[in-house]
Amino acid sequence: MILFIIYGCSETAKESDPSGTYVTHFKNEYSLTDDTLIIRNINSSNQAYNIERKSGFQKIRNGVLKSKEFKSAKWDATYNEDSKVLQQTDLGNQVYITDHNGVKLGDSEYKKIK
């Protein structure tokens, strides 16, 4: 009975942990983009996370797809489990944890792949 309770608590903690790799792909008239968010827990006692965003994009100019460019950014965030939001204090980036195994950053929705 005690093992079941302990196991149940650890499973709940795993479910609420937003750590993982999330991807999205989008295209508009100006670019074609592949975007990845890697979310890592760096201190579980105070819900501190590191978020790394890696983007590969190709500009579209006059209907022509240009060479692929890359950029990356890293920031630290605090996770609010009640509101399911990872919040970066300095720049105000917010990553919302969705109910369907993904996250949302701005207007972009990402799907968890691992």
N, C-alpha and C. Protein backbone atom coordinates (compact mmCIF):
# COMPACT_ATOMS: atom_id res chain seq x y z
N MET A 1 0.83 -1.19 0.00
CA MET A 1 0.00 0.00 0.00
C MET A 1 0.87 1.25 0.00
N ILE A 2 1.92 1.27 0.80
CA ILE A 2 2.79 2.44 0.87
C ILE A 2 3.53 2.63 -0.45
N LEU A 3 3.96 1.54 -1.06
CA LEU A 3 4.63 1.65 -2.35
C LEU A 3 3.72 2.26 -3.40
N PHE A 4 2.46 1.90 -3.38
CA PHE A 4 1.50 2.46 -4.33
C PHE A 4 1.37 3.96 -4.16
N ILE A 5 1.31 4.44 -2.94
CA ILE A 5 1.19 5.87 -2.67
C ILE A 5 2.44 6.60 -3.12
N ILE A 6 3.60 6.07 -2.81
CA ILE A 6 4.86 6.70 -3.22
C ILE A 6 4.96 6.71 -4.74
N TYR A 7 4.62 5.59 -5.38
CA TYR A 7 4.68 5.52 -6.83
C TYR A 7 3.71 6.51 -7.45
N GLY A 8 2.52 6.59 -6.90
CA GLY A 8 1.51 7.53 -7.41
C GLY A 8 1.98 8.96 -7.31
N CYS A 9 2.64 9.34 -6.23
CA CYS A 9 3.16 10.70 -6.07
C CYS A 9 4.25 10.99 -7.08
N SER A 10 5.13 10.01 -7.30
CA SER A 10 6.21 10.25 -8.25
C SER A 10 5.67 10.35 -9.67
N GLU A 11 4.61 9.61 -10.01
CA GLU A 11 4.02 9.71 -11.33
C GLU A 11 3.36 11.07 -11.53
N THR A 12 2.70 11.58 -10.50
CA THR A 12 2.09 12.91 -10.59
C THR A 12 3.16 13.97 -10.80
N ALA A 13 4.28 13.85 -10.09
CA ALA A 13 5.37 14.82 -10.26
C ALA A 13 5.91 14.77 -11.69
N LYS A 14 6.04 13.55 -12.25
CA LYS A 14 6.52 13.42 -13.63
C LYS A 14 5.55 14.08 -14.61
N GLU A 15 4.24 13.88 -14.38
CA GLU A 15 3.23 14.44 -15.28
C GLU A 15 3.25 15.96 -15.26
N SER A 16 3.56 16.57 -14.12
CA SER A 16 3.52 18.03 -14.02
C SER A 16 4.85 18.67 -14.43
N ASP A 17 5.89 17.87 -14.64
CA ASP A 17 7.19 18.40 -15.05
C ASP A 17 7.18 18.68 -16.55
N PRO A 18 7.36 19.94 -16.96
CA PRO A 18 7.32 20.26 -18.39
C PRO A 18 8.60 19.97 -19.15
N SER A 19 9.58 19.33 -18.51
CA SER A 19 10.85 19.03 -19.20
C SER A 19 10.60 18.20 -20.46
N GLY A 20 11.37 18.50 -21.49
CA GLY A 20 11.25 17.72 -22.72
C GLY A 20 11.68 18.53 -23.93
N THR A 21 11.52 17.91 -25.10
CA THR A 21 11.84 18.55 -26.37
C THR A 21 10.54 18.72 -27.15
N TYR A 22 10.33 19.94 -27.62
CA TYR A 22 9.09 20.30 -28.32
C TYR A 22 9.44 20.92 -29.67
N VAL A 23 8.66 20.60 -30.69
CA VAL A 23 8.95 21.11 -32.04
C VAL A 23 7.71 21.73 -32.68
N THR A 24 7.96 22.64 -33.61
CA THR A 24 6.90 23.19 -34.45
C THR A 24 7.48 23.52 -35.82
N HIS A 25 6.61 23.65 -36.77
CA HIS A 25 6.98 23.99 -38.14
C HIS A 25 5.92 24.94 -38.66
N PHE A 26 6.34 26.02 -39.26
CA PHE A 26 5.35 26.92 -39.86
C PHE A 26 5.91 27.62 -41.08
N LYS A 27 4.98 28.04 -41.91
CA LYS A 27 5.34 28.71 -43.16
C LYS A 27 4.37 29.87 -43.36
N ASN A 28 4.93 30.99 -43.82
CA ASN A 28 4.09 32.10 -44.25
C ASN A 28 4.69 32.64 -45.55
N GLU A 29 4.22 33.76 -46.01
CA GLU A 29 4.70 34.28 -47.30
C GLU A 29 6.15 34.76 -47.25
N TYR A 30 6.70 34.94 -46.04
CA TYR A 30 8.05 35.48 -45.89
C TYR A 30 9.11 34.46 -45.48
N SER A 31 8.68 33.32 -44.87
CA SER A 31 9.68 32.36 -44.41
C SER A 31 9.09 30.98 -44.16
N LEU A 32 9.99 30.02 -44.06
CA LEU A 32 9.70 28.63 -43.72
C LEU A 32 10.55 28.34 -42.48
N THR A 33 9.92 27.91 -41.37
CA THR A 33 10.65 27.81 -40.11
C THR A 33 10.43 26.47 -39.42
N ASP A 34 11.52 25.90 -38.90
CA ASP A 34 11.49 24.75 -37.99
C ASP A 34 12.03 25.25 -36.66
N ASP A 35 11.28 25.02 -35.60
CA ASP A 35 11.62 25.57 -34.30
C ASP A 35 11.60 24.46 -33.25
N THR A 36 12.58 24.46 -32.36
CA THR A 36 12.68 23.48 -31.29
C THR A 36 12.86 24.19 -29.96
N LEU A 37 12.11 23.74 -28.95
CA LEU A 37 12.30 24.19 -27.57
C LEU A 37 12.76 23.00 -26.75
N ILE A 38 13.87 23.17 -26.04
CA ILE A 38 14.36 22.13 -25.13
C ILE A 38 14.23 22.70 -23.72
N ILE A 39 13.39 22.06 -22.92
CA ILE A 39 13.11 22.53 -21.56
C ILE A 39 13.72 21.54 -20.58
N ARG A 40 14.61 22.06 -19.71
CA ARG A 40 15.31 21.22 -18.72
C ARG A 40 15.09 21.76 -17.32
N ASN A 41 14.78 20.86 -16.39
CA ASN A 41 14.67 21.24 -14.99
C ASN A 41 16.08 21.38 -14.43
N ILE A 42 16.40 22.55 -13.86
CA ILE A 42 17.74 22.75 -13.30
C ILE A 42 17.73 22.82 -11.78
N ASN A 43 16.54 22.96 -11.18
CA ASN A 43 16.43 22.96 -9.72
C ASN A 43 14.98 22.68 -9.35
N SER A 44 14.69 21.42 -9.03
CA SER A 44 13.30 21.03 -8.77
C SER A 44 12.74 21.65 -7.49
N SER A 45 13.60 22.01 -6.54
CA SER A 45 13.08 22.56 -5.28
C SER A 45 12.46 23.94 -5.46
N ASN A 46 12.94 24.72 -6.43
CA ASN A 46 12.33 26.04 -6.64
C ASN A 46 11.74 26.18 -8.05
N GLN A 47 11.49 25.04 -8.72
CA GLN A 47 10.84 25.02 -10.03
C GLN A 47 11.60 25.84 -11.08
N ALA A 48 12.93 25.79 -11.05
CA ALA A 48 13.76 26.52 -12.00
C ALA A 48 14.04 25.66 -13.23
N TYR A 49 13.91 26.27 -14.40
CA TYR A 49 14.10 25.57 -15.67
C TYR A 49 14.99 26.39 -16.59
N ASN A 50 15.68 25.67 -17.49
CA ASN A 50 16.43 26.30 -18.56
C ASN A 50 15.70 25.98 -19.85
N ILE A 51 15.50 26.99 -20.67
CA ILE A 51 14.82 26.80 -21.95
C ILE A 51 15.79 27.20 -23.06
N GLU A 52 15.97 26.30 -24.01
CA GLU A 52 16.81 26.57 -25.17
C GLU A 52 15.93 26.52 -26.41
N ARG A 53 15.99 27.58 -27.19
CA ARG A 53 15.21 27.64 -28.43
C ARG A 53 16.18 27.61 -29.60
N LYS A 54 15.97 26.66 -30.51
CA LYS A 54 16.79 26.53 -31.71
C LYS A 54 15.87 26.67 -32.91
N SER A 55 16.22 27.59 -33.80
CA SER A 55 15.39 27.85 -34.97
C SER A 55 16.22 27.72 -36.24
N GLY A 56 15.64 27.08 -37.22
CA GLY A 56 16.20 27.04 -38.56
C GLY A 56 15.15 27.62 -39.49
N PHE A 57 15.53 28.59 -40.29
CA PHE A 57 14.52 29.23 -41.14
C PHE A 57 15.11 29.59 -42.50
N GLN A 58 14.22 29.64 -43.46
CA GLN A 58 14.58 30.05 -44.82
C GLN A 58 13.68 31.21 -45.21
N LYS A 59 14.29 32.31 -45.56
CA LYS A 59 13.52 33.46 -46.03
C LYS A 59 13.01 33.18 -47.43
N ILE A 60 11.85 33.73 -47.72
CA ILE A 60 11.28 33.64 -49.06
C ILE A 60 11.23 35.06 -49.62
N ARG A 61 11.96 35.28 -50.71
CA ARG A 61 12.00 36.60 -51.34
C ARG A 61 11.61 36.47 -52.80
N ASN A 62 10.59 37.19 -53.20
CA ASN A 62 10.07 37.13 -54.57
C ASN A 62 9.78 35.69 -55.00
N GLY A 63 9.25 34.90 -54.07
CA GLY A 63 8.90 33.51 -54.35
C GLY A 63 10.06 32.55 -54.35
N VAL A 64 11.27 33.03 -54.04
CA VAL A 64 12.48 32.19 -54.05
C VAL A 64 12.89 31.89 -52.61
N LEU A 65 13.10 30.59 -52.33
CA LEU A 65 13.53 30.13 -51.01
C LEU A 65 15.03 30.35 -50.87
N LYS A 66 15.44 31.13 -49.90
CA LYS A 66 16.86 31.45 -49.67
C LYS A 66 17.53 30.36 -48.83
N SER A 67 18.84 30.49 -48.63
CA SER A 67 19.62 29.53 -47.84
C SER A 67 19.11 29.48 -46.41
N LYS A 68 19.22 28.30 -45.80
CA LYS A 68 18.76 28.12 -44.43
C LYS A 68 19.68 28.86 -43.47
N GLU A 69 19.07 29.56 -42.52
CA GLU A 69 19.79 30.27 -41.47
C GLU A 69 19.39 29.67 -40.13
N PHE A 70 20.26 29.86 -39.14
CA PHE A 70 20.00 29.30 -37.82
C PHE A 70 20.20 30.36 -36.76
N LYS A 71 19.43 30.23 -35.70
CA LYS A 71 19.65 31.08 -34.53
C LYS A 71 19.23 30.30 -33.30
N SER A 72 19.79 30.69 -32.17
CA SER A 72 19.42 30.02 -30.92
C SER A 72 19.42 31.04 -29.79
N ALA A 73 18.68 30.70 -28.76
CA ALA A 73 18.60 31.55 -27.57
C ALA A 73 18.39 30.65 -26.37
N LYS A 74 18.88 31.09 -25.22
CA LYS A 74 18.70 30.36 -23.96
C LYS A 74 18.22 31.33 -22.91
N TRP A 75 17.35 30.85 -22.05
CA TRP A 75 16.93 31.66 -20.92
C TRP A 75 16.48 30.76 -19.79
N ASP A 76 16.47 31.30 -18.59
CA ASP A 76 16.00 30.59 -17.41
C ASP A 76 14.60 31.06 -17.09
N ALA A 77 13.80 30.15 -16.55
CA ALA A 77 12.42 30.47 -16.23
C ALA A 77 12.01 29.75 -14.95
N THR A 78 10.96 30.24 -14.35
CA THR A 78 10.37 29.62 -13.16
C THR A 78 9.01 29.06 -13.55
N TYR A 79 8.75 27.84 -13.10
CA TYR A 79 7.49 27.18 -13.46
C TYR A 79 6.45 27.39 -12.37
N ASN A 80 5.29 27.89 -12.77
CA ASN A 80 4.15 28.02 -11.87
C ASN A 80 3.21 26.86 -12.19
N GLU A 81 3.19 25.88 -11.29
CA GLU A 81 2.43 24.65 -11.54
C GLU A 81 0.92 24.91 -11.57
N ASP A 82 0.45 25.87 -10.79
CA ASP A 82 -0.99 26.17 -10.76
C ASP A 82 -1.49 26.73 -12.09
N SER A 83 -0.74 27.67 -12.66
CA SER A 83 -1.17 28.27 -13.93
C SER A 83 -0.54 27.59 -15.14
N LYS A 84 0.35 26.61 -14.91
CA LYS A 84 1.04 25.87 -15.97
C LYS A 84 1.77 26.80 -16.93
N VAL A 85 2.59 27.69 -16.35
CA VAL A 85 3.34 28.67 -17.14
C VAL A 85 4.80 28.68 -16.70
N LEU A 86 5.71 28.63 -17.67
CA LEU A 86 7.13 28.88 -17.44
C LEU A 86 7.35 30.36 -17.75
N GLN A 87 7.83 31.11 -16.76
CA GLN A 87 7.95 32.56 -16.93
C GLN A 87 9.39 33.00 -16.76
N GLN A 88 9.87 33.76 -17.74
CA GLN A 88 11.18 34.39 -17.65
C GLN A 88 10.94 35.81 -17.15
N THR A 89 11.58 36.16 -16.07
CA THR A 89 11.33 37.45 -15.45
C THR A 89 11.91 38.60 -16.26
N ASP A 90 13.14 38.48 -16.74
CA ASP A 90 13.83 39.60 -17.40
C ASP A 90 13.12 40.10 -18.66
N LEU A 91 12.88 39.21 -19.60
CA LEU A 91 12.31 39.62 -20.89
C LEU A 91 10.81 39.34 -21.00
N GLY A 92 10.26 38.66 -20.03
CA GLY A 92 8.83 38.40 -20.04
C GLY A 92 8.36 37.26 -20.92
N ASN A 93 9.29 36.43 -21.42
CA ASN A 93 8.86 35.27 -22.21
C ASN A 93 8.02 34.35 -21.34
N GLN A 94 6.92 33.86 -21.89
CA GLN A 94 6.07 32.92 -21.18
C GLN A 94 5.82 31.71 -22.07
N VAL A 95 6.04 30.53 -21.50
CA VAL A 95 5.77 29.29 -22.20
C VAL A 95 4.61 28.63 -21.46
N TYR A 96 3.49 28.46 -22.15
CA TYR A 96 2.29 27.88 -21.55
C TYR A 96 2.27 26.38 -21.83
N ILE A 97 2.02 25.59 -20.79
CA ILE A 97 1.91 24.15 -20.93
C ILE A 97 0.46 23.86 -21.34
N THR A 98 0.27 23.17 -22.45
CA THR A 98 -1.08 22.89 -22.94
C THR A 98 -1.58 21.55 -22.39
N ASP A 99 -2.86 21.31 -22.54
CA ASP A 99 -3.45 20.06 -22.06
C ASP A 99 -3.24 18.90 -23.02
N HIS A 100 -2.71 19.16 -24.20
CA HIS A 100 -2.55 18.10 -25.19
C HIS A 100 -1.08 17.84 -25.52
N ASN A 101 -0.27 17.63 -24.47
CA ASN A 101 1.13 17.21 -24.61
C ASN A 101 1.95 18.18 -25.46
N GLY A 102 1.82 19.45 -25.17
CA GLY A 102 2.58 20.45 -25.91
C GLY A 102 2.76 21.71 -25.09
N VAL A 103 3.38 22.70 -25.73
CA VAL A 103 3.56 24.02 -25.11
C VAL A 103 3.24 25.09 -26.15
N LYS A 104 3.03 26.29 -25.65
CA LYS A 104 2.74 27.42 -26.53
C LYS A 104 3.63 28.58 -26.15
N LEU A 105 4.33 29.14 -27.13
CA LEU A 105 5.18 30.32 -26.96
C LEU A 105 4.68 31.35 -27.96
N GLY A 106 4.13 32.44 -27.47
CA GLY A 106 3.51 33.41 -28.37
C GLY A 106 2.33 32.76 -29.08
N ASP A 107 2.29 32.90 -30.40
CA ASP A 107 1.22 32.27 -31.19
C ASP A 107 1.59 30.88 -31.67
N SER A 108 2.80 30.43 -31.37
CA SER A 108 3.29 29.14 -31.88
C SER A 108 3.00 28.01 -30.90
N GLU A 109 2.42 26.92 -31.41
CA GLU A 109 2.18 25.73 -30.60
C GLU A 109 3.21 24.67 -30.97
N TYR A 110 3.79 24.07 -29.94
CA TYR A 110 4.83 23.06 -30.11
C TYR A 110 4.31 21.72 -29.59
N LYS A 111 4.70 20.64 -30.26
CA LYS A 111 4.33 19.28 -29.84
C LYS A 111 5.54 18.61 -29.20
N LYS A 112 5.28 17.88 -28.12
CA LYS A 112 6.37 17.18 -27.42
C LYS A 112 6.77 15.94 -28.21
N ILE A 113 8.08 15.80 -28.45
CA ILE A 113 8.58 14.62 -29.16
C ILE A 113 9.40 13.70 -28.26
N LYS A 114 9.88 14.24 -27.12
CA LYS A 114 10.55 13.39 -26.12
C LYS A 114 10.70 14.12 -24.82
